[in-house]
Protein backbone atom coordinates (compact mmCIF):
# COMPACT_ATOMS: atom_id res chain seq x y z
CA UNK A 1 -102.06 -105.77 9.10
CA UNK A 2 -99.57 -104.53 11.73
CA UNK A 3 -99.04 -106.50 14.79
CA UNK A 4 -96.48 -106.35 17.73
CA UNK A 5 -94.31 -108.81 19.36
CA UNK A 6 -94.09 -108.01 23.16
CA UNK A 7 -91.12 -109.59 25.11
CA UNK A 8 -90.61 -109.25 28.89
CA UNK A 9 -87.00 -109.75 30.03
CA UNK A 10 -85.04 -109.57 33.19
CA UNK A 11 -82.95 -106.24 33.29
CA UNK A 12 -79.86 -107.94 34.68
CA UNK A 13 -79.69 -111.22 32.54
CA UNK A 14 -81.69 -110.40 29.56
CA UNK A 15 -83.54 -113.72 29.83
CA UNK A 16 -87.21 -114.03 28.91
CA UNK A 17 -89.50 -114.06 31.76
CA UNK A 18 -92.41 -115.18 29.66
CA UNK A 19 -92.35 -116.44 26.13
CA UNK A 20 -92.74 -113.49 23.57
CA UNK A 21 -96.48 -112.98 22.52
CA UNK A 22 -98.20 -111.22 19.71
CA UNK A 23 -100.84 -108.34 20.06
CA UNK A 24 -102.76 -106.43 17.51
CA UNK A 25 -102.45 -102.98 19.49
CA UNK A 26 -100.20 -101.26 21.84
CA UNK A 27 -103.10 -99.87 23.79
CA UNK A 28 -102.39 -100.25 27.54
CA UNK A 29 -98.77 -100.87 27.08
CA UNK A 30 -97.56 -98.00 28.99
CA UNK A 31 -99.38 -99.03 32.07
CA UNK A 32 -98.28 -102.54 31.69
CA UNK A 33 -94.65 -101.52 31.38
CA UNK A 34 -94.74 -99.30 34.42
CA UNK A 35 -96.07 -102.31 36.49
CA UNK A 36 -93.59 -104.77 35.26
CA UNK A 37 -90.38 -102.35 35.45
CA UNK A 38 -91.09 -102.20 39.35
CA UNK A 39 -90.33 -106.00 39.33
CA UNK A 40 -86.97 -105.42 37.63
CA UNK A 41 -88.15 -106.35 34.22
CA UNK A 42 -88.12 -104.64 30.78
CA UNK A 43 -90.61 -104.78 27.93
CA UNK A 44 -89.36 -104.88 24.33
CA UNK A 45 -91.69 -104.26 21.38
CA UNK A 46 -91.01 -105.20 17.99
CA UNK A 47 -93.44 -104.76 14.98
CA UNK A 48 -94.29 -107.17 12.30
CA UNK A 49 -96.62 -106.82 9.25
CA UNK A 50 -98.72 -109.73 8.01
CA UNK A 51 -98.97 -109.94 4.35
CA UNK A 52 -102.35 -111.25 2.65
CA UNK A 53 -101.33 -111.02 -0.97
CA UNK A 54 -99.52 -114.34 -1.53
CA UNK A 55 -99.04 -115.83 -4.95
CA UNK A 56 -99.48 -119.42 -5.60
CA UNK A 57 -96.66 -121.14 -7.45
CA UNK A 58 -97.49 -124.12 -9.71
CA UNK A 59 -94.56 -126.42 -10.19
CA UNK A 60 -94.20 -128.74 -13.13
CA UNK A 61 -93.40 -132.31 -12.32
CA UNK A 62 -91.28 -134.45 -14.57
CA UNK A 63 -93.95 -137.17 -14.91
CA UNK A 64 -96.48 -134.69 -16.40
CA UNK A 65 -94.13 -133.07 -19.01
CA UNK A 66 -94.53 -134.17 -22.66
């Protein structure tokens, strides 16, 4: 599943104004960005993809080997 990391930073210093947060959709992001840009802030979006198909590894321990 694709998710997005939203970061809000100061334009002049690049410091985070709020900690980055994860959202499922970019719906409404344009309106949000317009509102915060008036305050001298920028919105940075990065995408991530969650993986659900993990493989379980079984490790042998020395005490169980014969």
